[in-house]
Amino acid sequence: MAFRSLKNIDSAFHQVKTIALLFMVLCLSVAGYALYVSHQTAQAAQGKVYLLDQGNLLLAVSHNVKENRPVEAQDHVKRFHEFFFTLDPDSKAIEYNIKQALALADQSAKEAYDNLKESNYYNQLIQANISQNIIVDSVAIDGSKYPYLAKCYAHQQVIRTSSITYRTLLSECSLRDVSRSTSNPHGFIIERWRVVSNPDVRTERR
C-alpha cells in the first residue's frame, strides 16, 4: 500500500513537471512572438514620417536620400527653367520669377538675365503685351560623375496679340550639392548654365 502511494506521488510529480515544462515553452513562445512583432513594427515605423498640418496628422514615407537624388536633380532643373522662362507682361511677375530662378543657379544664370535685361527684352514683353511660357519635356541627368551633368529639353510658346510662336529649347548645366532652404528645397545649385539652341519652329496666327 505504501509502495503504491509512493508510485502515485512519483507519477503526479512527473505530470506536474511535464505541465510546468509545457507552460514554460508556451510562455517563451509568446514572448518570442511578441519580440518579433515589436521588432517588425519598429522597422516599419522607421520608414514613416508624421507631419502635423493645421491639426491634421499626415503620414509621409521617407526614402534613402541618395536613391532619390537623380529625381530631385531633374525637378531642380525643371523648376529653374519654368521660373526663368515663364514671363508675363507684368514687371512684378517677371521680377518674382527671375528671383526664384536665380536662387537655384550661379552667376551663369545671372549673366544670362543681365544680357536679356540690357537688350531691353523684358521691357519689350511688357510694352507689346507678350506672354512667354515653357513646357519641359525631359531632363537628362548624368549621375556617373560629380558635379552631375544635366541637359534640359523643352518647348516654348511666345504669345502675342496676333500670333503664337513656337520654339524648342535645349540647355545644359552642371549641378552641385548645397544646403537645402525654403528657396532651394532640393539642395542643388546650377552651374555653367547655357542655352545650346532655341530656334523658332513655327508661328501661327491667332
N, C-alpha and C. Protein backbone atom coordinates (compact mmCIF):
# COMPACT_ATOMS: atom_id res chain seq x y z
N MET A 1 0.84 -1.21 0.00
CA MET A 1 0.00 0.00 0.00
C MET A 1 0.87 1.25 0.00
N ALA A 2 1.90 1.29 0.78
CA ALA A 2 2.81 2.42 0.87
C ALA A 2 3.56 2.58 -0.44
N PHE A 3 3.91 1.41 -1.08
CA PHE A 3 4.63 1.45 -2.36
C PHE A 3 3.75 2.06 -3.45
N ARG A 4 2.44 1.66 -3.45
CA ARG A 4 1.50 2.22 -4.44
C ARG A 4 1.35 3.71 -4.24
N SER A 5 1.31 4.15 -2.97
CA SER A 5 1.16 5.58 -2.67
C SER A 5 2.37 6.36 -3.19
N LEU A 6 3.58 5.78 -2.99
CA LEU A 6 4.79 6.44 -3.47
C LEU A 6 4.80 6.51 -4.99
N LYS A 7 4.28 5.42 -5.62
CA LYS A 7 4.22 5.37 -7.08
C LYS A 7 3.28 6.44 -7.61
N ASN A 8 2.14 6.64 -6.93
CA ASN A 8 1.19 7.68 -7.35
C ASN A 8 1.80 9.07 -7.20
N ILE A 9 2.56 9.25 -6.10
CA ILE A 9 3.19 10.55 -5.88
C ILE A 9 4.21 10.83 -6.97
N ASP A 10 5.00 9.78 -7.32
CA ASP A 10 6.01 9.94 -8.36
C ASP A 10 5.36 10.25 -9.72
N SER A 11 4.25 9.59 -10.03
CA SER A 11 3.52 9.83 -11.27
C SER A 11 2.96 11.25 -11.32
N ALA A 12 2.42 11.69 -10.19
CA ALA A 12 1.87 13.06 -10.11
C ALA A 12 2.99 14.09 -10.28
N PHE A 13 4.16 13.78 -9.69
CA PHE A 13 5.30 14.72 -9.82
C PHE A 13 5.72 14.87 -11.27
N HIS A 14 5.76 13.72 -12.01
CA HIS A 14 6.13 13.76 -13.43
C HIS A 14 5.09 14.55 -14.24
N GLN A 15 3.83 14.37 -13.88
CA GLN A 15 2.78 15.12 -14.58
C GLN A 15 2.90 16.62 -14.36
N VAL A 16 3.16 16.99 -13.10
CA VAL A 16 3.32 18.41 -12.78
C VAL A 16 4.55 18.97 -13.49
N LYS A 17 5.63 18.17 -13.53
CA LYS A 17 6.85 18.60 -14.18
C LYS A 17 6.62 18.82 -15.68
N THR A 18 5.85 17.87 -16.29
CA THR A 18 5.56 17.98 -17.73
C THR A 18 4.71 19.21 -18.02
N ILE A 19 3.69 19.43 -17.18
CA ILE A 19 2.82 20.60 -17.36
C ILE A 19 3.61 21.89 -17.19
N ALA A 20 4.51 21.91 -16.21
CA ALA A 20 5.33 23.10 -15.97
C ALA A 20 6.24 23.39 -17.16
N LEU A 21 6.84 22.30 -17.74
CA LEU A 21 7.70 22.49 -18.91
C LEU A 21 6.90 23.01 -20.11
N LEU A 22 5.71 22.42 -20.32
CA LEU A 22 4.87 22.87 -21.42
C LEU A 22 4.47 24.33 -21.25
N PHE A 23 4.15 24.72 -20.01
CA PHE A 23 3.77 26.10 -19.73
C PHE A 23 4.95 27.05 -19.98
N MET A 24 6.16 26.58 -19.60
CA MET A 24 7.36 27.41 -19.82
C MET A 24 7.62 27.60 -21.31
N VAL A 25 7.47 26.50 -22.09
CA VAL A 25 7.66 26.58 -23.54
C VAL A 25 6.64 27.54 -24.16
N LEU A 26 5.39 27.45 -23.69
CA LEU A 26 4.33 28.34 -24.18
C LEU A 26 4.65 29.80 -23.87
N CYS A 27 5.13 30.07 -22.66
CA CYS A 27 5.49 31.44 -22.28
C CYS A 27 6.64 31.97 -23.13
N LEU A 28 7.65 31.12 -23.35
CA LEU A 28 8.77 31.53 -24.18
C LEU A 28 8.34 31.80 -25.61
N SER A 29 7.42 30.96 -26.13
CA SER A 29 6.92 31.16 -27.49
C SER A 29 6.17 32.48 -27.61
N VAL A 30 5.31 32.76 -26.64
CA VAL A 30 4.56 34.02 -26.65
C VAL A 30 5.50 35.22 -26.55
N ALA A 31 6.50 35.13 -25.66
CA ALA A 31 7.47 36.22 -25.50
C ALA A 31 8.27 36.43 -26.78
N GLY A 32 8.69 35.30 -27.41
CA GLY A 32 9.44 35.41 -28.67
C GLY A 32 8.62 36.03 -29.78
N TYR A 33 7.35 35.64 -29.88
CA TYR A 33 6.46 36.21 -30.89
C TYR A 33 6.24 37.70 -30.66
N ALA A 34 6.09 38.07 -29.39
CA ALA A 34 5.89 39.48 -29.05
C ALA A 34 7.11 40.31 -29.43
N LEU A 35 8.31 39.78 -29.17
CA LEU A 35 9.54 40.48 -29.54
C LEU A 35 9.65 40.62 -31.06
N TYR A 36 9.28 39.55 -31.78
CA TYR A 36 9.35 39.59 -33.24
C TYR A 36 8.40 40.65 -33.80
N VAL A 37 7.16 40.67 -33.30
CA VAL A 37 6.16 41.64 -33.78
C VAL A 37 6.60 43.07 -33.47
N SER A 38 7.13 43.28 -32.25
CA SER A 38 7.57 44.63 -31.87
C SER A 38 8.75 45.09 -32.73
N HIS A 39 9.66 44.15 -33.08
CA HIS A 39 10.79 44.49 -33.94
C HIS A 39 10.32 44.87 -35.34
N GLN A 40 9.37 44.10 -35.88
CA GLN A 40 8.82 44.39 -37.21
C GLN A 40 8.10 45.74 -37.22
N THR A 41 7.39 46.03 -36.15
CA THR A 41 6.67 47.31 -36.05
C THR A 41 7.65 48.47 -35.98
N ALA A 42 8.75 48.29 -35.21
CA ALA A 42 9.76 49.34 -35.11
C ALA A 42 10.44 49.57 -36.44
N GLN A 43 10.73 48.49 -37.19
CA GLN A 43 11.35 48.62 -38.51
C GLN A 43 10.43 49.38 -39.48
N ALA A 44 9.15 49.05 -39.44
CA ALA A 44 8.18 49.72 -40.32
C ALA A 44 8.04 51.18 -39.95
N ALA A 45 8.10 51.49 -38.65
CA ALA A 45 7.93 52.88 -38.20
C ALA A 45 9.11 53.75 -38.60
N GLN A 46 10.29 53.14 -38.80
CA GLN A 46 11.46 53.93 -39.18
C GLN A 46 11.32 54.54 -40.56
N GLY A 47 10.49 53.95 -41.41
CA GLY A 47 10.29 54.47 -42.75
C GLY A 47 9.12 55.42 -42.86
N LYS A 48 8.58 55.86 -41.74
CA LYS A 48 7.42 56.74 -41.76
C LYS A 48 7.71 58.04 -41.04
N VAL A 49 7.21 59.10 -41.60
CA VAL A 49 7.36 60.42 -41.00
C VAL A 49 5.96 61.00 -40.86
N TYR A 50 5.64 61.51 -39.69
CA TYR A 50 4.33 62.09 -39.46
C TYR A 50 4.43 63.61 -39.44
N LEU A 51 3.56 64.26 -40.20
CA LEU A 51 3.55 65.71 -40.29
C LEU A 51 2.23 66.24 -39.73
N LEU A 52 2.32 67.34 -39.01
CA LEU A 52 1.13 67.97 -38.46
C LEU A 52 0.78 69.19 -39.30
N ASP A 53 -0.37 69.14 -39.96
CA ASP A 53 -0.80 70.22 -40.84
C ASP A 53 -2.16 70.73 -40.38
N GLN A 54 -2.15 71.89 -39.72
CA GLN A 54 -3.38 72.52 -39.24
C GLN A 54 -4.22 71.56 -38.40
N GLY A 55 -3.54 70.86 -37.52
CA GLY A 55 -4.23 69.95 -36.61
C GLY A 55 -4.47 68.57 -37.17
N ASN A 56 -4.14 68.33 -38.43
CA ASN A 56 -4.32 67.02 -39.05
C ASN A 56 -2.99 66.30 -39.13
N LEU A 57 -3.00 65.03 -38.72
CA LEU A 57 -1.78 64.23 -38.74
C LEU A 57 -1.66 63.55 -40.10
N LEU A 58 -0.59 63.87 -40.83
CA LEU A 58 -0.37 63.31 -42.16
C LEU A 58 0.82 62.37 -42.13
N LEU A 59 0.73 61.32 -42.91
CA LEU A 59 1.80 60.33 -42.98
C LEU A 59 2.60 60.51 -44.25
N ALA A 60 3.91 60.61 -44.10
CA ALA A 60 4.81 60.68 -45.25
C ALA A 60 5.80 59.54 -45.13
N VAL A 61 6.19 58.96 -46.23
CA VAL A 61 7.12 57.84 -46.23
C VAL A 61 8.51 58.36 -46.59
N SER A 62 9.50 58.05 -45.76
CA SER A 62 10.86 58.51 -46.02
C SER A 62 11.59 57.51 -46.91
N HIS A 63 12.53 58.01 -47.72
CA HIS A 63 13.31 57.17 -48.62
C HIS A 63 14.79 57.49 -48.44
N ASN A 64 15.61 56.61 -48.97
CA ASN A 64 17.04 56.84 -48.97
C ASN A 64 17.34 58.07 -49.80
N VAL A 65 18.05 59.04 -49.23
CA VAL A 65 18.30 60.32 -49.91
C VAL A 65 19.08 60.11 -51.19
N LYS A 66 20.09 59.26 -51.18
CA LYS A 66 20.92 59.05 -52.36
C LYS A 66 20.12 58.43 -53.50
N GLU A 67 19.19 57.53 -53.18
CA GLU A 67 18.37 56.90 -54.20
C GLU A 67 17.47 57.92 -54.88
N ASN A 68 17.03 58.93 -54.14
CA ASN A 68 16.09 59.91 -54.67
C ASN A 68 16.78 61.11 -55.30
N ARG A 69 18.12 61.17 -55.24
CA ARG A 69 18.85 62.35 -55.69
C ARG A 69 18.68 62.63 -57.18
N PRO A 70 18.75 61.66 -58.08
CA PRO A 70 18.56 61.96 -59.51
C PRO A 70 17.19 62.57 -59.80
N VAL A 71 16.16 62.10 -59.10
CA VAL A 71 14.81 62.64 -59.30
C VAL A 71 14.76 64.09 -58.82
N GLU A 72 15.41 64.37 -57.69
CA GLU A 72 15.47 65.74 -57.19
C GLU A 72 16.23 66.64 -58.15
N ALA A 73 17.29 66.12 -58.74
CA ALA A 73 18.08 66.90 -59.70
C ALA A 73 17.23 67.26 -60.92
N GLN A 74 16.47 66.31 -61.42
CA GLN A 74 15.59 66.57 -62.56
C GLN A 74 14.57 67.66 -62.22
N ASP A 75 13.98 67.56 -61.05
CA ASP A 75 12.97 68.54 -60.67
C ASP A 75 13.59 69.91 -60.44
N HIS A 76 14.82 69.94 -59.94
CA HIS A 76 15.51 71.22 -59.72
C HIS A 76 15.72 71.94 -61.05
N VAL A 77 16.20 71.21 -62.04
CA VAL A 77 16.44 71.80 -63.36
C VAL A 77 15.13 72.25 -63.99
N LYS A 78 14.11 71.42 -63.86
CA LYS A 78 12.80 71.77 -64.41
C LYS A 78 12.26 73.03 -63.74
N ARG A 79 12.37 73.09 -62.44
CA ARG A 79 11.87 74.23 -61.68
C ARG A 79 12.59 75.53 -62.10
N PHE A 80 13.90 75.45 -62.28
CA PHE A 80 14.67 76.62 -62.70
C PHE A 80 14.17 77.14 -64.06
N HIS A 81 14.02 76.24 -65.02
CA HIS A 81 13.60 76.65 -66.36
C HIS A 81 12.18 77.22 -66.37
N GLU A 82 11.32 76.63 -65.57
CA GLU A 82 9.95 77.15 -65.51
C GLU A 82 9.91 78.57 -64.95
N PHE A 83 10.72 78.84 -63.94
CA PHE A 83 10.77 80.20 -63.39
C PHE A 83 11.44 81.16 -64.37
N PHE A 84 12.54 80.74 -64.98
CA PHE A 84 13.34 81.65 -65.83
C PHE A 84 12.61 82.01 -67.12
N PHE A 85 11.85 81.06 -67.68
CA PHE A 85 11.25 81.28 -69.00
C PHE A 85 9.74 81.52 -68.97
N THR A 86 9.12 81.48 -67.82
CA THR A 86 7.69 81.80 -67.73
C THR A 86 7.57 83.29 -67.42
N LEU A 87 7.14 84.05 -68.41
CA LEU A 87 7.13 85.51 -68.30
C LEU A 87 5.79 86.06 -68.77
N ASP A 88 5.26 86.99 -68.02
CA ASP A 88 4.04 87.69 -68.38
C ASP A 88 4.33 89.18 -68.47
N PRO A 89 3.51 89.93 -69.20
CA PRO A 89 3.77 91.37 -69.35
C PRO A 89 3.46 92.16 -68.08
N ASP A 90 4.18 91.80 -67.02
CA ASP A 90 4.00 92.44 -65.72
C ASP A 90 5.37 92.47 -65.04
N SER A 91 5.86 93.64 -64.75
CA SER A 91 7.23 93.78 -64.22
C SER A 91 7.40 93.06 -62.88
N LYS A 92 6.39 93.10 -62.02
CA LYS A 92 6.50 92.44 -60.71
C LYS A 92 6.49 90.92 -60.86
N ALA A 93 5.67 90.42 -61.79
CA ALA A 93 5.63 88.97 -62.04
C ALA A 93 6.96 88.49 -62.60
N ILE A 94 7.52 89.26 -63.51
CA ILE A 94 8.84 88.92 -64.09
C ILE A 94 9.91 88.94 -63.01
N GLU A 95 9.90 89.98 -62.19
CA GLU A 95 10.90 90.11 -61.12
C GLU A 95 10.80 88.95 -60.14
N TYR A 96 9.58 88.53 -59.80
CA TYR A 96 9.39 87.42 -58.85
C TYR A 96 9.94 86.12 -59.44
N ASN A 97 9.57 85.81 -60.69
CA ASN A 97 10.01 84.56 -61.31
C ASN A 97 11.53 84.51 -61.47
N ILE A 98 12.11 85.61 -61.90
CA ILE A 98 13.57 85.64 -62.08
C ILE A 98 14.28 85.49 -60.74
N LYS A 99 13.74 86.11 -59.71
CA LYS A 99 14.34 85.98 -58.37
C LYS A 99 14.33 84.52 -57.91
N GLN A 100 13.20 83.83 -58.15
CA GLN A 100 13.11 82.42 -57.77
C GLN A 100 14.10 81.57 -58.57
N ALA A 101 14.24 81.89 -59.87
CA ALA A 101 15.16 81.13 -60.72
C ALA A 101 16.61 81.33 -60.29
N LEU A 102 16.99 82.58 -60.01
CA LEU A 102 18.39 82.87 -59.69
C LEU A 102 18.81 82.28 -58.34
N ALA A 103 17.83 81.97 -57.49
CA ALA A 103 18.15 81.31 -56.21
C ALA A 103 18.57 79.86 -56.43
N LEU A 104 18.33 79.34 -57.62
CA LEU A 104 18.64 77.94 -57.92
C LEU A 104 19.90 77.79 -58.77
N ALA A 105 20.53 78.91 -59.15
CA ALA A 105 21.66 78.84 -60.08
C ALA A 105 22.77 79.79 -59.67
N ASP A 106 23.90 79.67 -60.35
CA ASP A 106 25.05 80.51 -60.04
C ASP A 106 25.09 81.72 -60.97
N GLN A 107 26.25 82.32 -61.09
CA GLN A 107 26.43 83.56 -61.85
C GLN A 107 26.12 83.40 -63.34
N SER A 108 26.22 82.19 -63.85
CA SER A 108 25.96 81.99 -65.27
C SER A 108 24.52 82.34 -65.64
N ALA A 109 23.58 82.02 -64.76
CA ALA A 109 22.18 82.39 -65.00
C ALA A 109 21.98 83.89 -64.81
N LYS A 110 22.68 84.47 -63.84
CA LYS A 110 22.58 85.91 -63.61
C LYS A 110 23.11 86.68 -64.83
N GLU A 111 24.17 86.19 -65.42
CA GLU A 111 24.72 86.84 -66.61
C GLU A 111 23.74 86.76 -67.78
N ALA A 112 23.07 85.62 -67.93
CA ALA A 112 22.08 85.48 -69.00
C ALA A 112 20.93 86.45 -68.79
N TYR A 113 20.50 86.58 -67.54
CA TYR A 113 19.43 87.54 -67.21
C TYR A 113 19.86 88.97 -67.49
N ASP A 114 21.07 89.31 -67.07
CA ASP A 114 21.58 90.67 -67.29
C ASP A 114 21.67 91.01 -68.78
N ASN A 115 22.08 90.04 -69.60
CA ASN A 115 22.16 90.26 -71.04
C ASN A 115 20.78 90.53 -71.64
N LEU A 116 19.79 89.76 -71.20
CA LEU A 116 18.42 89.97 -71.69
C LEU A 116 17.89 91.32 -71.23
N LYS A 117 18.20 91.67 -70.00
CA LYS A 117 17.73 92.95 -69.46
C LYS A 117 18.37 94.11 -70.21
N GLU A 118 19.66 94.03 -70.47
CA GLU A 118 20.36 95.10 -71.18
C GLU A 118 19.88 95.25 -72.62
N SER A 119 19.44 94.15 -73.21
CA SER A 119 18.92 94.22 -74.58
C SER A 119 17.46 94.67 -74.63
N ASN A 120 16.93 95.03 -73.45
CA ASN A 120 15.56 95.57 -73.35
C ASN A 120 14.49 94.50 -73.60
N TYR A 121 14.87 93.23 -73.42
CA TYR A 121 13.95 92.12 -73.72
C TYR A 121 12.70 92.16 -72.84
N TYR A 122 12.88 92.36 -71.56
CA TYR A 122 11.74 92.33 -70.64
C TYR A 122 10.82 93.53 -70.84
N ASN A 123 11.39 94.67 -71.11
CA ASN A 123 10.56 95.86 -71.38
C ASN A 123 9.75 95.68 -72.65
N GLN A 124 10.32 95.02 -73.65
CA GLN A 124 9.60 94.76 -74.88
C GLN A 124 8.41 93.83 -74.65
N LEU A 125 8.59 92.84 -73.78
CA LEU A 125 7.48 91.95 -73.43
C LEU A 125 6.33 92.74 -72.81
N ILE A 126 6.69 93.63 -71.90
CA ILE A 126 5.67 94.41 -71.19
C ILE A 126 4.97 95.38 -72.16
N GLN A 127 5.75 96.07 -72.95
CA GLN A 127 5.19 97.07 -73.86
C GLN A 127 4.32 96.46 -74.95
N ALA A 128 4.71 95.28 -75.44
CA ALA A 128 3.96 94.64 -76.52
C ALA A 128 2.92 93.65 -75.99
N ASN A 129 2.80 93.58 -74.67
CA ASN A 129 1.80 92.69 -74.05
C ASN A 129 2.02 91.23 -74.48
N ILE A 130 3.25 90.78 -74.38
CA ILE A 130 3.63 89.42 -74.80
C ILE A 130 3.80 88.53 -73.57
N SER A 131 3.27 87.32 -73.66
CA SER A 131 3.48 86.31 -72.62
C SER A 131 4.37 85.20 -73.18
N GLN A 132 5.14 84.61 -72.30
CA GLN A 132 6.01 83.51 -72.71
C GLN A 132 5.92 82.40 -71.68
N ASN A 133 5.72 81.18 -72.14
CA ASN A 133 5.72 80.06 -71.21
C ASN A 133 6.55 78.92 -71.77
N ILE A 134 6.87 77.97 -70.91
CA ILE A 134 7.73 76.85 -71.29
C ILE A 134 7.16 75.56 -70.74
N ILE A 135 7.30 74.50 -71.50
CA ILE A 135 6.93 73.16 -71.06
C ILE A 135 8.18 72.29 -71.17
N VAL A 136 8.66 71.80 -70.04
CA VAL A 136 9.86 70.96 -70.02
C VAL A 136 9.46 69.54 -70.41
N ASP A 137 10.04 69.07 -71.50
CA ASP A 137 9.73 67.72 -71.98
C ASP A 137 10.48 66.65 -71.20
N SER A 138 11.76 66.88 -70.96
CA SER A 138 12.56 65.91 -70.21
C SER A 138 13.85 66.57 -69.72
N VAL A 139 14.40 65.97 -68.68
CA VAL A 139 15.70 66.40 -68.14
C VAL A 139 16.57 65.16 -68.01
N ALA A 140 17.70 65.16 -68.69
CA ALA A 140 18.62 64.03 -68.64
C ALA A 140 19.74 64.34 -67.65
N ILE A 141 19.92 63.46 -66.67
CA ILE A 141 20.95 63.63 -65.64
C ILE A 141 22.02 62.55 -65.80
N ASP A 142 23.26 62.96 -65.88
CA ASP A 142 24.37 62.02 -65.90
C ASP A 142 24.95 61.96 -64.48
N GLY A 143 24.55 60.91 -63.75
CA GLY A 143 24.98 60.78 -62.37
C GLY A 143 26.26 59.99 -62.20
N SER A 144 26.96 59.69 -63.31
CA SER A 144 28.17 58.87 -63.23
C SER A 144 29.36 59.65 -62.69
N LYS A 145 29.29 60.98 -62.74
CA LYS A 145 30.38 61.78 -62.18
C LYS A 145 29.81 63.02 -61.51
N TYR A 146 30.59 63.59 -60.64
CA TYR A 146 30.17 64.77 -59.87
C TYR A 146 31.11 65.93 -60.15
N PRO A 147 30.60 67.15 -60.33
CA PRO A 147 29.19 67.56 -60.34
C PRO A 147 28.42 66.88 -61.47
N TYR A 148 27.11 66.67 -61.22
CA TYR A 148 26.27 65.99 -62.18
C TYR A 148 26.05 66.87 -63.41
N LEU A 149 26.04 66.26 -64.57
CA LEU A 149 25.75 66.97 -65.81
C LEU A 149 24.27 66.81 -66.14
N ALA A 150 23.67 67.88 -66.64
CA ALA A 150 22.23 67.84 -66.94
C ALA A 150 21.96 68.51 -68.27
N LYS A 151 21.00 67.95 -69.01
CA LYS A 151 20.50 68.56 -70.24
C LYS A 151 18.99 68.66 -70.14
N CYS A 152 18.48 69.82 -70.52
CA CYS A 152 17.04 70.08 -70.44
C CYS A 152 16.49 70.25 -71.85
N TYR A 153 15.44 69.48 -72.15
CA TYR A 153 14.76 69.56 -73.44
C TYR A 153 13.35 70.11 -73.19
N ALA A 154 13.02 71.18 -73.91
CA ALA A 154 11.74 71.83 -73.66
C ALA A 154 11.23 72.49 -74.93
N HIS A 155 9.98 72.95 -74.87
CA HIS A 155 9.46 73.80 -75.95
C HIS A 155 8.73 74.98 -75.34
N GLN A 156 8.74 76.08 -76.07
CA GLN A 156 8.20 77.35 -75.59
C GLN A 156 7.07 77.85 -76.48
N GLN A 157 6.28 78.72 -75.89
CA GLN A 157 5.27 79.46 -76.63
C GLN A 157 5.46 80.95 -76.32
N VAL A 158 5.57 81.74 -77.36
CA VAL A 158 5.63 83.19 -77.21
C VAL A 158 4.31 83.73 -77.75
N ILE A 159 3.47 84.19 -76.84
CA ILE A 159 2.08 84.54 -77.18
C ILE A 159 1.95 86.05 -77.35
N ARG A 160 1.69 86.46 -78.59
CA ARG A 160 1.45 87.87 -78.91
C ARG A 160 -0.03 88.07 -79.18
N THR A 161 -0.41 89.32 -79.35
CA THR A 161 -1.82 89.63 -79.60
C THR A 161 -2.32 88.98 -80.89
N SER A 162 -1.46 88.94 -81.90
CA SER A 162 -1.88 88.45 -83.21
C SER A 162 -1.34 87.07 -83.58
N SER A 163 -0.40 86.53 -82.80
CA SER A 163 0.22 85.26 -83.18
C SER A 163 0.82 84.53 -81.99
N ILE A 164 1.12 83.25 -82.22
CA ILE A 164 1.84 82.43 -81.24
C ILE A 164 3.05 81.82 -81.93
N THR A 165 4.22 82.06 -81.38
CA THR A 165 5.45 81.49 -81.93
C THR A 165 5.89 80.31 -81.06
N TYR A 166 6.17 79.21 -81.71
CA TYR A 166 6.61 78.00 -81.00
C TYR A 166 8.11 77.83 -81.19
N ARG A 167 8.80 77.53 -80.09
CA ARG A 167 10.24 77.34 -80.11
C ARG A 167 10.61 76.04 -79.40
N THR A 168 11.74 75.48 -79.77
CA THR A 168 12.33 74.39 -78.99
C THR A 168 13.51 74.95 -78.21
N LEU A 169 13.84 74.30 -77.12
CA LEU A 169 14.94 74.77 -76.28
C LEU A 169 15.76 73.59 -75.79
N LEU A 170 17.06 73.72 -75.91
CA LEU A 170 17.98 72.75 -75.33
C LEU A 170 19.02 73.52 -74.53
N SER A 171 19.16 73.17 -73.27
CA SER A 171 20.16 73.81 -72.42
C SER A 171 20.94 72.75 -71.67
N GLU A 172 22.10 73.13 -71.17
CA GLU A 172 22.90 72.19 -70.39
C GLU A 172 23.56 72.92 -69.23
N CYS A 173 23.89 72.16 -68.20
CA CYS A 173 24.49 72.74 -66.99
C CYS A 173 25.09 71.62 -66.17
N SER A 174 25.70 71.99 -65.07
CA SER A 174 26.15 71.01 -64.08
C SER A 174 25.48 71.35 -62.75
N LEU A 175 25.39 70.35 -61.89
CA LEU A 175 24.68 70.50 -60.61
C LEU A 175 25.61 70.15 -59.46
N ARG A 176 25.65 71.03 -58.49
CA ARG A 176 26.48 70.82 -57.30
C ARG A 176 25.60 70.83 -56.06
N ASP A 177 25.92 69.96 -55.10
CA ASP A 177 25.16 69.89 -53.85
C ASP A 177 25.41 71.12 -52.99
N VAL A 178 24.33 71.67 -52.43
CA VAL A 178 24.42 72.77 -51.46
C VAL A 178 23.38 72.50 -50.36
N SER A 179 23.36 73.36 -49.37
CA SER A 179 22.39 73.21 -48.29
C SER A 179 20.97 73.48 -48.79
N ARG A 180 20.03 72.75 -48.25
CA ARG A 180 18.63 72.97 -48.60
C ARG A 180 18.10 74.21 -47.89
N SER A 181 17.13 74.85 -48.53
CA SER A 181 16.49 76.02 -47.93
C SER A 181 15.09 76.13 -48.50
N THR A 182 14.31 77.09 -48.00
CA THR A 182 12.95 77.27 -48.50
C THR A 182 12.96 77.70 -49.97
N SER A 183 13.96 78.45 -50.38
CA SER A 183 14.05 78.88 -51.78
C SER A 183 14.77 77.86 -52.65
N ASN A 184 15.44 76.90 -52.01
CA ASN A 184 16.15 75.85 -52.74
C ASN A 184 15.92 74.51 -52.04
N PRO A 185 14.71 73.96 -52.18
CA PRO A 185 14.34 72.77 -51.39
C PRO A 185 15.10 71.51 -51.77
N HIS A 186 15.63 71.42 -53.00
CA HIS A 186 16.33 70.21 -53.43
C HIS A 186 17.81 70.22 -53.06
N GLY A 187 18.34 71.36 -52.68
CA GLY A 187 19.75 71.42 -52.27
C GLY A 187 20.73 71.24 -53.41
N PHE A 188 20.44 71.88 -54.55
CA PHE A 188 21.36 71.89 -55.69
C PHE A 188 21.62 73.33 -56.11
N ILE A 189 22.75 73.56 -56.76
CA ILE A 189 22.99 74.84 -57.42
C ILE A 189 23.39 74.54 -58.86
N ILE A 190 22.74 75.22 -59.81
CA ILE A 190 23.05 75.06 -61.22
C ILE A 190 24.29 75.88 -61.55
N GLU A 191 25.27 75.24 -62.18
CA GLU A 191 26.50 75.92 -62.57
C GLU A 191 26.70 75.80 -64.08
N ARG A 192 27.41 76.80 -64.64
CA ARG A 192 27.78 76.80 -66.06
C ARG A 192 26.56 76.53 -66.95
N TRP A 193 25.47 77.18 -66.62
CA TRP A 193 24.25 77.01 -67.42
C TRP A 193 24.34 77.78 -68.72
N ARG A 194 23.93 77.16 -69.80
CA ARG A 194 23.90 77.85 -71.08
C ARG A 194 22.81 77.25 -71.98
N VAL A 195 22.26 78.08 -72.82
CA VAL A 195 21.28 77.65 -73.81
C VAL A 195 22.04 77.20 -75.05
N VAL A 196 21.89 75.93 -75.40
CA VAL A 196 22.59 75.38 -76.56
C VAL A 196 21.88 75.77 -77.85
N SER A 197 20.55 75.65 -77.86
CA SER A 197 19.77 76.04 -79.04
C SER A 197 18.38 76.47 -78.60
N ASN A 198 17.82 77.42 -79.35
CA ASN A 198 16.48 77.93 -79.02
C ASN A 198 15.82 78.50 -80.30
N PRO A 199 15.68 77.64 -81.34
CA PRO A 199 15.15 78.14 -82.61
C PRO A 199 13.62 78.21 -82.65
N ASP A 200 13.11 79.11 -83.49
CA ASP A 200 11.68 79.14 -83.77
C ASP A 200 11.33 77.93 -84.64
N VAL A 201 10.20 77.31 -84.33
CA VAL A 201 9.73 76.16 -85.11
C VAL A 201 8.65 76.59 -86.09
N ARG A 202 7.68 77.35 -85.58
CA ARG A 202 6.61 77.84 -86.45
C ARG A 202 5.89 78.98 -85.75
N THR A 203 5.14 79.73 -86.52
CA THR A 203 4.31 80.80 -85.98
C THR A 203 2.89 80.65 -86.52
N GLU A 204 1.93 80.73 -85.64
CA GLU A 204 0.53 80.61 -86.02
C GLU A 204 -0.20 81.90 -85.75
N ARG A 205 -1.09 82.26 -86.66
CA ARG A 205 -1.93 83.45 -86.46
C ARG A 205 -3.01 83.12 -85.45
N ARG A 206 -3.38 84.10 -84.66
CA ARG A 206 -4.44 83.89 -83.66
C ARG A 206 -5.78 84.40 -84.21
